[in-house]
Amino acid sequence: MSAKFSVLQVQIQNWKLVMSESNRSNGMVEEFIIVGFPGLHDRASKNIIFGSLLSVYVCILLSNLLIIGIFLLDEELHTPMYLLVANLAFSDIVITTTMVPKLLAVLGSGSNVISIPACFIQMFFISATIAVESFILALMSYDRYVAICKPLHYFSMTNNHLVTKQIISCWVSAFILMLFPVITTSRLQFCGSEVMSCFCENAALHRVACSDTSLSSYVGLASGIFITIGPFAFIVFSYVQIIMSVVRASSSTGYRKAFYTCSTHLLIIAVFYLFAIGTYPAGRIANVSADMRIMVLLLQNVIPPLINPIIYCLRTKEIQKSFFKILKRNKILSKCF
């Protein structure tokens, strides 16, 4: 009786395996597996990346929450520029929180299974929030343009109410725009379940698709160009106008003031676009390993949220002043010293 039962169990297992393979061949994959770093098999290497990534994630949360907290607690910072800074900090938190916890689970406990709906939700929020950041950087360049080129009309051309409407428009338009690549990719048939990346992203999902990915690729490319080239062109145009205005002023004081006003924003732009541009060659050079490509992709989404609050805290006197003012107001400094 036990022998017959064992044979029956084996037959059931074989039937399940055949059905699983049949489902995969018919594009009926029921879940994805986030591979993470395929070249890392030893526990020690995974622990190092896990510890480093966890530390970076905690720093991102604390530093960006600090920026948002300072903005909310100090009414003197309730200006259009710092309203944009607070939204940039919030978008940084959204991007990393959507991606990093799942990757930590993959590295730490091997919990690398993700449902198909959860995979596309993750893909959507990451891509949409990156688009939001790109749009907000363009709004920041416009704010700097008005502040330097039209200082007498600054408060008539921009104010908190108007900037709030612009920010809402950025979020809504980014979320609507990034629906298209997610929808076209979700309609593909998938024959494989192993996503060779650190999160669900368009290129990695195309590699496990068994149907034609041309439409999805074109839609993804068009969306990517729109959210990067469009805002970048607007930023370049704004700074060309700023440079021309400063040159016409022909004053050393004007040069220094303009440099101080724009330097922080330029650093943020440089970090964002350098890492965004750096992912393209990494994905197209034949000799680049999968682990290197995935690491570059991870850094693109982790380093800017880590560096942005550091730049603002170190280079913006208003934020430094507000921080110490809040500490004094709550008598934290007096308790520490």
C-alpha atoms as a PDB file:
ATOM      1  CA  MET A   1       0.000   0.000   0.000  1.00  0.00           C
ATOM      2  CA  SER A   2       2.811   2.381   0.891  1.00  0.00           C
ATOM      3  CA  ALA A   3       4.626   1.501  -2.335  1.00  0.00           C
ATOM      4  CA  LYS A   4       1.521   2.344  -4.377  1.00  0.00           C
ATOM      5  CA  PHE A   5       1.162   5.612  -2.454  1.00  0.00           C
ATOM      6  CA  SER A   6       4.794   6.540  -3.174  1.00  0.00           C
ATOM      7  CA  VAL A   7       4.314   5.799  -6.872  1.00  0.00           C
ATOM      8  CA  LEU A   8       1.177   7.964  -6.862  1.00  0.00           C
ATOM      9  CA  GLN A   9       3.097  10.844  -5.237  1.00  0.00           C
ATOM     10  CA  VAL A  10       5.830  10.597  -7.887  1.00  0.00           C
ATOM     11  CA  GLN A  11       3.216  10.628 -10.658  1.00  0.00           C
ATOM     12  CA  ILE A  12       1.557  13.716  -9.143  1.00  0.00           C
ATOM     13  CA  GLN A  13       4.900  15.515  -8.906  1.00  0.00           C
ATOM     14  CA  ASN A  14       5.717  14.612 -12.524  1.00  0.00           C
ATOM     15  CA  TRP A  15       2.278  15.828 -13.622  1.00  0.00           C
ATOM     16  CA  LYS A  16       2.797  19.149 -11.811  1.00  0.00           C
ATOM     17  CA  LEU A  17       6.218  19.548 -13.452  1.00  0.00           C
ATOM     18  CA  VAL A  18       4.773  18.823 -16.909  1.00  0.00           C
ATOM     19  CA  MET A  19       1.917  21.287 -16.355  1.00  0.00           C
ATOM     20  CA  SER A  20       4.369  23.952 -15.116  1.00  0.00           C
ATOM     21  CA  GLU A  21       6.531  23.531 -18.213  1.00  0.00           C
ATOM     22  CA  SER A  22       3.409  23.560 -20.404  1.00  0.00           C
ATOM     23  CA  ASN A  23       2.215  26.791 -18.805  1.00  0.00           C
ATOM     24  CA  ARG A  24       5.594  28.416 -19.360  1.00  0.00           C
ATOM     25  CA  SER A  25       5.681  27.344 -23.002  1.00  0.00           C
ATOM     26  CA  ASN A  26       2.223  28.865 -23.492  1.00  0.00           C
ATOM     27  CA  GLY A  27       3.169  32.147 -21.876  1.00  0.00           C
ATOM     28  CA  MET A  28       1.186  31.370 -18.710  1.00  0.00           C
ATOM     29  CA  VAL A  29       3.815  32.236 -16.153  1.00  0.00           C
ATOM     30  CA  GLU A  30       2.044  32.770 -12.847  1.00  0.00           C
ATOM     31  CA  GLU A  31       4.823  34.593 -11.001  1.00  0.00           C
ATOM     32  CA  PHE A  32       8.266  36.062 -11.537  1.00  0.00           C
ATOM     33  CA  ILE A  33      11.534  35.421  -9.745  1.00  0.00           C
ATOM     34  CA  ILE A  34      13.753  38.439  -9.015  1.00  0.00           C
ATOM     35  CA  VAL A  35      17.229  37.014  -9.542  1.00  0.00           C
ATOM     36  CA  GLY A  36      19.109  39.995  -8.120  1.00  0.00           C
ATOM     37  CA  PHE A  37      22.772  39.356  -8.871  1.00  0.00           C
ATOM     38  CA  PRO A  38      23.092  36.056 -10.780  1.00  0.00           C
ATOM     39  CA  GLY A  39      26.866  35.849 -10.316  1.00  0.00           C
ATOM     40  CA  LEU A  40      26.702  36.008  -6.520  1.00  0.00           C
ATOM     41  CA  HIS A  41      26.156  32.563  -5.076  1.00  0.00           C
ATOM     42  CA  ASP A  42      28.114  32.704  -1.827  1.00  0.00           C
ATOM     43  CA  ARG A  43      26.444  33.872   1.372  1.00  0.00           C
ATOM     44  CA  ALA A  44      29.317  36.200   2.358  1.00  0.00           C
ATOM     45  CA  SER A  45      29.007  38.368  -0.778  1.00  0.00           C
ATOM     46  CA  LYS A  46      25.240  38.567  -0.416  1.00  0.00           C
ATOM     47  CA  ASN A  47      25.605  39.609   3.232  1.00  0.00           C
ATOM     48  CA  ILE A  48      28.021  42.405   2.285  1.00  0.00           C
ATOM     49  CA  ILE A  49      25.642  43.792  -0.354  1.00  0.00           C
ATOM     50  CA  PHE A  50      22.680  43.327   1.994  1.00  0.00           C
ATOM     51  CA  GLY A  51      24.377  45.252   4.820  1.00  0.00           C
ATOM     52  CA  SER A  52      25.581  48.021   2.523  1.00  0.00           C
ATOM     53  CA  LEU A  53      22.202  48.405   0.822  1.00  0.00           C
ATOM     54  CA  LEU A  54      20.339  48.397   4.141  1.00  0.00           C
ATOM     55  CA  SER A  55      22.623  51.123   5.520  1.00  0.00           C
ATOM     56  CA  VAL A  56      22.179  53.220   2.387  1.00  0.00           C
ATOM     57  CA  TYR A  57      18.394  52.768   2.501  1.00  0.00           C
ATOM     58  CA  VAL A  58      18.195  53.861   6.149  1.00  0.00           C
ATOM     59  CA  CYS A  59      20.317  56.936   5.337  1.00  0.00           C
ATOM     60  CA  ILE A  60      18.046  57.768   2.386  1.00  0.00           C
ATOM     61  CA  LEU A  61      14.921  57.549   4.538  1.00  0.00           C
ATOM     62  CA  LEU A  62      16.330  59.563   7.435  1.00  0.00           C
ATOM     63  CA  SER A  63      17.962  62.294   5.336  1.00  0.00           C
ATOM     64  CA  ASN A  64      14.984  62.840   3.033  1.00  0.00           C
ATOM     65  CA  LEU A  65      12.540  62.754   5.939  1.00  0.00           C
ATOM     66  CA  LEU A  66      14.767  65.354   7.604  1.00  0.00           C
ATOM     67  CA  ILE A  67      14.449  67.626   4.552  1.00  0.00           C
ATOM     68  CA  ILE A  68      10.660  67.208   4.528  1.00  0.00           C
ATOM     69  CA  GLY A  69      10.456  67.751   8.303  1.00  0.00           C
ATOM     70  CA  ILE A  70      12.521  70.943   8.172  1.00  0.00           C
ATOM     71  CA  PHE A  71      10.293  72.261   5.384  1.00  0.00           C
ATOM     72  CA  LEU A  72       7.085  71.486   7.290  1.00  0.00           C
ATOM     73  CA  LEU A  73       8.292  72.924  10.625  1.00  0.00           C
ATOM     74  CA  ASP A  74       9.815  76.168   9.351  1.00  0.00           C
ATOM     75  CA  GLU A  75       7.332  78.550   7.751  1.00  0.00           C
ATOM     76  CA  GLU A  76      10.170  80.676   6.363  1.00  0.00           C
ATOM     77  CA  LEU A  77      10.928  77.818   3.964  1.00  0.00           C
ATOM     78  CA  HIS A  78       7.373  77.744   2.623  1.00  0.00           C
ATOM     79  CA  THR A  79       8.504  79.177  -0.705  1.00  0.00           C
ATOM     80  CA  PRO A  80       8.169  77.790  -4.244  1.00  0.00           C
ATOM     81  CA  MET A  81      11.773  76.544  -4.393  1.00  0.00           C
ATOM     82  CA  TYR A  82      11.665  74.632  -1.111  1.00  0.00           C
ATOM     83  CA  LEU A  83       8.232  73.268  -1.939  1.00  0.00           C
ATOM     84  CA  LEU A  84       9.899  71.688  -4.971  1.00  0.00           C
ATOM     85  CA  VAL A  85      12.810  70.465  -2.820  1.00  0.00           C
ATOM     86  CA  ALA A  86      10.403  68.767  -0.389  1.00  0.00           C
ATOM     87  CA  ASN A  87       8.610  67.043  -3.272  1.00  0.00           C
ATOM     88  CA  LEU A  88      11.931  65.881  -4.689  1.00  0.00           C
ATOM     89  CA  ALA A  89      12.773  64.372  -1.289  1.00  0.00           C
ATOM     90  CA  PHE A  90       9.372  62.647  -1.167  1.00  0.00           C
ATOM     91  CA  SER A  91       9.835  61.177  -4.655  1.00  0.00           C
ATOM     92  CA  ASP A  92      13.270  59.869  -3.611  1.00  0.00           C
ATOM     93  CA  ILE A  93      11.626  58.035  -0.715  1.00  0.00           C
ATOM     94  CA  VAL A  94       8.965  56.555  -3.015  1.00  0.00           C
ATOM     95  CA  ILE A  95      11.520  55.272  -5.546  1.00  0.00           C
ATOM     96  CA  THR A  96      13.765  53.543  -3.021  1.00  0.00           C
ATOM     97  CA  THR A  97      10.903  52.175  -0.899  1.00  0.00           C
ATOM     98  CA  THR A  98       9.312  50.645  -3.986  1.00  0.00           C
ATOM     99  CA  MET A  99      12.529  48.883  -4.965  1.00  0.00           C
ATOM    100  CA  VAL A 100      14.949  48.327  -2.066  1.00  0.00           C
ATOM    101  CA  PRO A 101      12.875  46.311   0.496  1.00  0.00           C
ATOM    102  CA  LYS A 102      12.139  43.567  -2.059  1.00  0.00           C
ATOM    103  CA  LEU A 103      15.800  43.420  -3.083  1.00  0.00           C
ATOM    104  CA  LEU A 104      16.800  43.177   0.587  1.00  0.00           C
ATOM    105  CA  ALA A 105      14.408  40.236   0.933  1.00  0.00           C
ATOM    106  CA  VAL A 106      16.003  38.583  -2.117  1.00  0.00           C
ATOM    107  CA  LEU A 107      19.518  39.034  -0.735  1.00  0.00           C
ATOM    108  CA  GLY A 108      18.726  38.310   2.891  1.00  0.00           C
ATOM    109  CA  SER A 109      16.251  35.442   2.949  1.00  0.00           C
ATOM    110  CA  GLY A 110      16.088  34.353  -0.676  1.00  0.00           C
ATOM    111  CA  SER A 111      12.464  35.487  -0.897  1.00  0.00           C
ATOM    112  CA  ASN A 112      12.725  36.278  -4.586  1.00  0.00           C
ATOM    113  CA  VAL A 113       9.234  35.373  -5.796  1.00  0.00           C
ATOM    114  CA  ILE A 114       6.989  38.258  -6.841  1.00  0.00           C
ATOM    115  CA  SER A 115       3.488  37.996  -8.276  1.00  0.00           C
ATOM    116  CA  ILE A 116       2.878  39.319 -11.775  1.00  0.00           C
ATOM    117  CA  PRO A 117       0.560  42.162 -10.598  1.00  0.00           C
ATOM    118  CA  ALA A 118       3.067  43.171  -7.895  1.00  0.00           C
ATOM    119  CA  CYS A 119       5.868  43.134 -10.485  1.00  0.00           C
ATOM    120  CA  PHE A 120       4.049  45.537 -12.794  1.00  0.00           C
ATOM    121  CA  ILE A 121       2.978  47.740  -9.886  1.00  0.00           C
ATOM    122  CA  GLN A 122       6.622  48.004  -8.854  1.00  0.00           C
ATOM    123  CA  MET A 123       7.674  48.775 -12.431  1.00  0.00           C
ATOM    124  CA  PHE A 124       4.967  51.426 -12.731  1.00  0.00           C
ATOM    125  CA  PHE A 125       5.750  53.280  -9.492  1.00  0.00           C
ATOM    126  CA  ILE A 126       9.506  53.322 -10.088  1.00  0.00           C
ATOM    127  CA  SER A 127       9.267  54.580 -13.678  1.00  0.00           C
ATOM    128  CA  ALA A 128       6.505  57.094 -12.866  1.00  0.00           C
ATOM    129  CA  THR A 129       8.371  58.547  -9.882  1.00  0.00           C
ATOM    130  CA  ILE A 130      11.576  58.878 -11.911  1.00  0.00           C
ATOM    131  CA  ALA A 131       9.505  60.842 -14.447  1.00  0.00           C
ATOM    132  CA  VAL A 132       8.197  63.029 -11.610  1.00  0.00           C
ATOM    133  CA  GLU A 133      11.764  63.811 -10.524  1.00  0.00           C
ATOM    134  CA  SER A 134      12.713  64.781 -14.054  1.00  0.00           C
ATOM    135  CA  PHE A 135       9.725  67.140 -14.296  1.00  0.00           C
ATOM    136  CA  ILE A 136      10.436  68.663 -10.867  1.00  0.00           C
ATOM    137  CA  LEU A 137      14.045  69.378 -11.863  1.00  0.00           C
ATOM    138  CA  ALA A 138      12.682  71.252 -14.881  1.00  0.00           C
ATOM    139  CA  LEU A 139      10.378  73.275 -12.600  1.00  0.00           C
ATOM    140  CA  MET A 140      13.366  74.098 -10.393  1.00  0.00           C
ATOM    141  CA  SER A 141      15.280  75.437 -13.391  1.00  0.00           C
ATOM    142  CA  TYR A 142      12.309  77.664 -14.248  1.00  0.00           C
ATOM    143  CA  ASP A 143      12.249  78.933 -10.656  1.00  0.00           C
ATOM    144  CA  ARG A 144      15.970  79.798 -10.888  1.00  0.00           C
ATOM    145  CA  TYR A 145      15.386  81.471 -14.263  1.00  0.00           C
ATOM    146  CA  VAL A 146      12.662  83.730 -12.843  1.00  0.00           C
ATOM    147  CA  ALA A 147      14.681  84.472  -9.680  1.00  0.00           C
ATOM    148  CA  ILE A 148      17.770  85.598 -11.650  1.00  0.00           C
ATOM    149  CA  CYS A 149      16.408  86.944 -14.926  1.00  0.00           C
ATOM    150  CA  LYS A 150      13.206  88.535 -13.626  1.00  0.00           C
ATOM    151  CA  PRO A 151      13.775  89.144  -9.908  1.00  0.00           C
ATOM    152  CA  LEU A 152      11.331  92.071  -9.688  1.00  0.00           C
ATOM    153  CA  HIS A 153       8.526  89.899 -11.061  1.00  0.00           C
ATOM    154  CA  TYR A 154       9.391  86.756  -9.108  1.00  0.00           C
ATOM    155  CA  PHE A 155       6.437  86.782  -6.719  1.00  0.00           C
ATOM    156  CA  SER A 156       3.994  87.696  -9.488  1.00  0.00           C
ATOM    157  CA  MET A 157       5.257  84.971 -11.851  1.00  0.00           C
ATOM    158  CA  THR A 158       5.550  82.194  -9.296  1.00  0.00           C
ATOM    159  CA  ASN A 159       4.006  81.504  -5.905  1.00  0.00           C
ATOM    160  CA  ASN A 160       3.151  78.552  -3.672  1.00  0.00           C
ATOM    161  CA  HIS A 161      -0.356  78.157  -5.098  1.00  0.00           C
ATOM    162  CA  LEU A 162       0.903  78.086  -8.679  1.00  0.00           C
ATOM    163  CA  VAL A 163       3.816  75.759  -7.868  1.00  0.00           C
ATOM    164  CA  THR A 164       1.467  73.390  -6.026  1.00  0.00           C
ATOM    165  CA  LYS A 165      -0.660  73.156  -9.180  1.00  0.00           C
ATOM    166  CA  GLN A 166       2.472  72.534 -11.255  1.00  0.00           C
ATOM    167  CA  ILE A 167       3.651  69.798  -8.892  1.00  0.00           C
ATOM    168  CA  ILE A 168       0.260  68.081  -9.006  1.00  0.00           C
ATOM    169  CA  SER A 169       0.396  68.288 -12.798  1.00  0.00           C
ATOM    170  CA  CYS A 170       3.850  66.668 -12.737  1.00  0.00           C
ATOM    171  CA  TRP A 171       2.629  63.723 -10.664  1.00  0.00           C
ATOM    172  CA  VAL A 172      -0.561  63.224 -12.666  1.00  0.00           C
ATOM    173  CA  SER A 173       1.088  63.535 -16.089  1.00  0.00           C
ATOM    174  CA  ALA A 174       3.981  61.248 -15.081  1.00  0.00           C
ATOM    175  CA  PHE A 175       1.623  58.551 -13.801  1.00  0.00           C
ATOM    176  CA  ILE A 176      -0.549  58.752 -16.920  1.00  0.00           C
ATOM    177  CA  LEU A 177       2.463  58.746 -19.249  1.00  0.00           C
ATOM    178  CA  MET A 178       4.134  55.720 -17.652  1.00  0.00           C
ATOM    179  CA  LEU A 179       0.919  53.701 -17.823  1.00  0.00           C
ATOM    180  CA  PHE A 180       1.523  53.093 -21.542  1.00  0.00           C
ATOM    181  CA  PRO A 181       4.829  51.160 -21.319  1.00  0.00           C
ATOM    182  CA  VAL A 182       3.511  49.173 -18.336  1.00  0.00           C
ATOM    183  CA  ILE A 183       0.296  48.240 -20.160  1.00  0.00           C
ATOM    184  CA  THR A 184       2.072  47.235 -23.385  1.00  0.00           C
ATOM    185  CA  THR A 185       4.588  45.124 -21.441  1.00  0.00           C
ATOM    186  CA  SER A 186       1.886  43.476 -19.313  1.00  0.00           C
ATOM    187  CA  ARG A 187       0.114  42.293 -22.487  1.00  0.00           C
ATOM    188  CA  LEU A 188       3.141  40.234 -23.534  1.00  0.00           C
ATOM    189  CA  GLN A 189       3.263  36.472 -23.135  1.00  0.00           C
ATOM    190  CA  PHE A 190       6.054  35.292 -20.848  1.00  0.00           C
ATOM    191  CA  CYS A 191       7.783  31.960 -21.281  1.00  0.00           C
ATOM    192  CA  GLY A 192      10.372  32.493 -18.556  1.00  0.00           C
ATOM    193  CA  SER A 193       9.969  33.555 -14.964  1.00  0.00           C
ATOM    194  CA  GLU A 194      13.507  34.618 -13.981  1.00  0.00           C
ATOM    195  CA  VAL A 195      13.855  38.412 -14.125  1.00  0.00           C
ATOM    196  CA  MET A 196      17.568  39.116 -14.464  1.00  0.00           C
ATOM    197  CA  SER A 197      17.543  42.381 -12.572  1.00  0.00           C
ATOM    198  CA  CYS A 198      17.268  43.837  -9.078  1.00  0.00           C
ATOM    199  CA  PHE A 199      13.657  44.879  -9.671  1.00  0.00           C
ATOM    200  CA  CYS A 200      10.939  44.586 -12.319  1.00  0.00           C
ATOM    201  CA  GLU A 201      11.941  46.756 -15.265  1.00  0.00           C
ATOM    202  CA  ASN A 202      11.034  46.871 -18.922  1.00  0.00           C
ATOM    203  CA  ALA A 203      14.238  45.505 -20.466  1.00  0.00           C
ATOM    204  CA  ALA A 204      14.470  42.572 -18.056  1.00  0.00           C
ATOM    205  CA  LEU A 205      10.841  41.577 -18.673  1.00  0.00           C
ATOM    206  CA  HIS A 206      11.386  41.714 -22.424  1.00  0.00           C
ATOM    207  CA  ARG A 207      14.109  39.069 -22.066  1.00  0.00           C
ATOM    208  CA  VAL A 208      11.643  36.516 -20.662  1.00  0.00           C
ATOM    209  CA  ALA A 209       8.857  37.321 -23.131  1.00  0.00           C
ATOM    210  CA  CYS A 210       8.057  34.881 -25.919  1.00  0.00           C
ATOM    211  CA  SER A 211       5.834  37.227 -27.948  1.00  0.00           C
ATOM    212  CA  ASP A 212       6.802  40.187 -30.115  1.00  0.00           C
ATOM    213  CA  THR A 213       8.214  43.003 -27.935  1.00  0.00           C
ATOM    214  CA  SER A 214       8.534  45.601 -30.706  1.00  0.00           C
ATOM    215  CA  LEU A 215       5.538  47.706 -29.674  1.00  0.00           C
ATOM    216  CA  SER A 216       6.469  47.581 -25.983  1.00  0.00           C
ATOM    217  CA  SER A 217      10.076  48.532 -26.805  1.00  0.00           C
ATOM    218  CA  TYR A 218       9.004  51.504 -28.935  1.00  0.00           C
ATOM    219  CA  VAL A 219       6.536  52.728 -26.318  1.00  0.00           C
ATOM    220  CA  GLY A 220       9.140  52.366 -23.569  1.00  0.00           C
ATOM    221  CA  LEU A 221      11.753  54.182 -25.661  1.00  0.00           C
ATOM    222  CA  ALA A 222       9.348  57.002 -26.526  1.00  0.00           C
ATOM    223  CA  SER A 223       8.328  57.420 -22.889  1.00  0.00           C
ATOM    224  CA  GLY A 224      11.955  57.396 -21.763  1.00  0.00           C
ATOM    225  CA  ILE A 225      12.913  60.041 -24.309  1.00  0.00           C
ATOM    226  CA  PHE A 226       9.957  62.209 -23.350  1.00  0.00           C
ATOM    227  CA  ILE A 227      10.714  62.153 -19.609  1.00  0.00           C
ATOM    228  CA  THR A 228      14.451  62.759 -20.046  1.00  0.00           C
ATOM    229  CA  ILE A 229      15.111  64.731 -23.231  1.00  0.00           C
ATOM    230  CA  GLY A 230      12.093  67.038 -22.848  1.00  0.00           C
ATOM    231  CA  PRO A 231      12.845  68.260 -19.291  1.00  0.00           C
ATOM    232  CA  PHE A 232      16.590  68.293 -20.016  1.00  0.00           C
ATOM    233  CA  ALA A 233      16.070  70.538 -23.057  1.00  0.00           C
ATOM    234  CA  PHE A 234      13.945  72.873 -20.934  1.00  0.00           C
ATOM    235  CA  ILE A 235      16.670  72.935 -18.239  1.00  0.00           C
ATOM    236  CA  VAL A 236      19.347  73.755 -20.828  1.00  0.00           C
ATOM    237  CA  PHE A 237      17.177  76.521 -22.308  1.00  0.00           C
ATOM    238  CA  SER A 238      16.590  78.023 -18.840  1.00  0.00           C
ATOM    239  CA  TYR A 239      20.270  78.057 -17.985  1.00  0.00           C
ATOM    240  CA  VAL A 240      21.230  79.526 -21.337  1.00  0.00           C
ATOM    241  CA  GLN A 241      18.880  82.400 -20.510  1.00  0.00           C
ATOM    242  CA  ILE A 242      20.405  82.669 -17.025  1.00  0.00           C
ATOM    243  CA  ILE A 243      23.963  82.760 -18.407  1.00  0.00           C
ATOM    244  CA  MET A 244      23.037  85.414 -20.961  1.00  0.00           C
ATOM    245  CA  SER A 245      21.382  87.505 -18.241  1.00  0.00           C
ATOM    246  CA  VAL A 246      24.429  87.202 -15.956  1.00  0.00           C
ATOM    247  CA  VAL A 247      26.826  88.090 -18.788  1.00  0.00           C
ATOM    248  CA  ARG A 248      24.788  91.189 -19.594  1.00  0.00           C
ATOM    249  CA  ALA A 249      24.978  92.208 -15.942  1.00  0.00           C
ATOM    250  CA  SER A 250      28.821  92.185 -16.222  1.00  0.00           C
ATOM    251  CA  SER A 251      29.217  92.390 -12.466  1.00  0.00           C
ATOM    252  CA  SER A 252      31.394  90.189 -10.281  1.00  0.00           C
ATOM    253  CA  THR A 253      28.760  90.407  -7.554  1.00  0.00           C
ATOM    254  CA  GLY A 254      26.132  89.273 -10.043  1.00  0.00           C
ATOM    255  CA  TYR A 255      28.305  86.342 -11.098  1.00  0.00           C
ATOM    256  CA  ARG A 256      28.806  85.190  -7.503  1.00  0.00           C
ATOM    257  CA  LYS A 257      25.139  85.584  -6.626  1.00  0.00           C
ATOM    258  CA  ALA A 258      24.000  83.676  -9.705  1.00  0.00           C
ATOM    259  CA  PHE A 259      26.531  80.905  -9.074  1.00  0.00           C
ATOM    260  CA  TYR A 260      25.425  80.551  -5.454  1.00  0.00           C
ATOM    261  CA  THR A 261      21.757  80.512  -6.476  1.00  0.00           C
ATOM    262  CA  CYS A 262      22.197  77.879  -9.184  1.00  0.00           C
ATOM    263  CA  SER A 263      25.088  75.714  -7.975  1.00  0.00           C
ATOM    264  CA  THR A 264      23.004  73.436  -5.734  1.00  0.00           C
ATOM    265  CA  HIS A 265      20.413  72.831  -8.437  1.00  0.00           C
ATOM    266  CA  LEU A 266      23.118  72.177 -11.039  1.00  0.00           C
ATOM    267  CA  LEU A 267      24.722  69.551  -8.790  1.00  0.00           C
ATOM    268  CA  ILE A 268      21.370  67.791  -8.366  1.00  0.00           C
ATOM    269  CA  ILE A 269      20.821  67.850 -12.140  1.00  0.00           C
ATOM    270  CA  ALA A 270      24.317  66.501 -12.792  1.00  0.00           C
ATOM    271  CA  VAL A 271      23.841  63.586 -10.381  1.00  0.00           C
ATOM    272  CA  PHE A 272      20.416  62.694 -11.805  1.00  0.00           C
ATOM    273  CA  TYR A 273      21.335  62.789 -15.492  1.00  0.00           C
ATOM    274  CA  LEU A 274      24.836  61.311 -15.193  1.00  0.00           C
ATOM    275  CA  PHE A 275      23.470  58.207 -13.524  1.00  0.00           C
ATOM    276  CA  ALA A 276      20.505  58.093 -15.920  1.00  0.00           C
ATOM    277  CA  ILE A 277      22.792  58.298 -18.958  1.00  0.00           C
ATOM    278  CA  GLY A 278      25.259  55.813 -17.456  1.00  0.00           C
ATOM    279  CA  THR A 279      22.752  52.953 -17.587  1.00  0.00           C
ATOM    280  CA  TYR A 280      22.463  53.001 -21.378  1.00  0.00           C
ATOM    281  CA  PRO A 281      26.054  52.016 -22.272  1.00  0.00           C
ATOM    282  CA  ALA A 282      26.102  49.452 -19.440  1.00  0.00           C
ATOM    283  CA  GLY A 283      23.153  47.668 -21.012  1.00  0.00           C
ATOM    284  CA  ARG A 284      24.529  47.728 -24.558  1.00  0.00           C
ATOM    285  CA  ILE A 285      28.236  46.903 -24.206  1.00  0.00           C
ATOM    286  CA  ALA A 286      28.741  43.249 -25.020  1.00  0.00           C
ATOM    287  CA  ASN A 287      31.548  42.641 -22.524  1.00  0.00           C
ATOM    288  CA  VAL A 288      29.649  44.027 -19.530  1.00  0.00           C
ATOM    289  CA  SER A 289      28.537  41.221 -17.204  1.00  0.00           C
ATOM    290  CA  ALA A 290      24.964  40.866 -15.988  1.00  0.00           C
ATOM    291  CA  ASP A 291      26.044  41.648 -12.427  1.00  0.00           C
ATOM    292  CA  MET A 292      27.733  44.884 -13.517  1.00  0.00           C
ATOM    293  CA  ARG A 293      24.685  45.955 -15.523  1.00  0.00           C
ATOM    294  CA  ILE A 294      22.374  45.243 -12.593  1.00  0.00           C
ATOM    295  CA  MET A 295      24.684  47.078 -10.178  1.00  0.00           C
ATOM    296  CA  VAL A 296      24.688  50.162 -12.433  1.00  0.00           C
ATOM    297  CA  LEU A 297      20.894  50.020 -12.573  1.00  0.00           C
ATOM    298  CA  LEU A 298      20.740  49.790  -8.783  1.00  0.00           C
ATOM    299  CA  LEU A 299      23.116  52.717  -8.322  1.00  0.00           C
ATOM    300  CA  GLN A 300      21.048  54.835 -10.722  1.00  0.00           C
ATOM    301  CA  ASN A 301      18.052  54.522  -8.411  1.00  0.00           C
ATOM    302  CA  VAL A 302      19.876  54.641  -5.062  1.00  0.00           C
ATOM    303  CA  ILE A 303      22.747  57.148  -5.329  1.00  0.00           C
ATOM    304  CA  PRO A 304      20.739  60.295  -6.309  1.00  0.00           C
ATOM    305  CA  PRO A 305      18.258  59.875  -3.411  1.00  0.00           C
ATOM    306  CA  LEU A 306      21.259  59.457  -1.096  1.00  0.00           C
ATOM    307  CA  ILE A 307      23.241  62.416  -2.419  1.00  0.00           C
ATOM    308  CA  ASN A 308      20.405  64.931  -2.939  1.00  0.00           C
ATOM    309  CA  PRO A 309      19.711  65.687   0.753  1.00  0.00           C
ATOM    310  CA  ILE A 310      23.452  65.818   1.474  1.00  0.00           C
ATOM    311  CA  ILE A 311      23.904  68.453  -1.229  1.00  0.00           C
ATOM    312  CA  TYR A 312      20.982  70.515   0.041  1.00  0.00           C
ATOM    313  CA  CYS A 313      22.100  70.318   3.664  1.00  0.00           C
ATOM    314  CA  LEU A 314      25.716  71.203   2.903  1.00  0.00           C
ATOM    315  CA  ARG A 315      25.178  73.892   0.272  1.00  0.00           C
ATOM    316  CA  THR A 316      21.934  75.587   1.331  1.00  0.00           C
ATOM    317  CA  LYS A 317      22.369  78.037   4.182  1.00  0.00           C
ATOM    318  CA  GLU A 318      18.618  78.428   4.643  1.00  0.00           C
ATOM    319  CA  ILE A 319      18.203  74.704   5.397  1.00  0.00           C
ATOM    320  CA  GLN A 320      21.172  74.738   7.783  1.00  0.00           C
ATOM    321  CA  LYS A 321      19.793  77.793   9.547  1.00  0.00           C
ATOM    322  CA  SER A 322      16.318  76.244   9.817  1.00  0.00           C
ATOM    323  CA  PHE A 323      17.739  72.974  11.148  1.00  0.00           C
ATOM    324  CA  PHE A 324      19.597  74.645  14.011  1.00  0.00           C
ATOM    325  CA  LYS A 325      16.642  76.951  14.674  1.00  0.00           C
ATOM    326  CA  ILE A 326      14.354  73.936  15.074  1.00  0.00           C
ATOM    327  CA  LEU A 327      16.859  72.272  17.403  1.00  0.00           C
ATOM    328  CA  LYS A 328      17.064  75.401  19.561  1.00  0.00           C
ATOM    329  CA  ARG A 329      13.291  75.816  19.542  1.00  0.00           C
ATOM    330  CA  ASN A 330      12.849  72.298  20.907  1.00  0.00           C
ATOM    331  CA  LYS A 331      15.779  72.764  23.330  1.00  0.00           C
ATOM    332  CA  ILE A 332      17.597  69.783  21.826  1.00  0.00           C
ATOM    333  CA  LEU A 333      20.958  71.536  21.639  1.00  0.00           C
ATOM    334  CA  SER A 334      20.788  72.616  25.269  1.00  0.00           C
ATOM    335  CA  LYS A 335      20.128  69.020  26.340  1.00  0.00           C
ATOM    336  CA  CYS A 336      23.005  67.692  24.256  1.00  0.00           C
ATOM    337  CA  PHE A 337      25.588  70.172  25.525  1.00  0.00           C
END
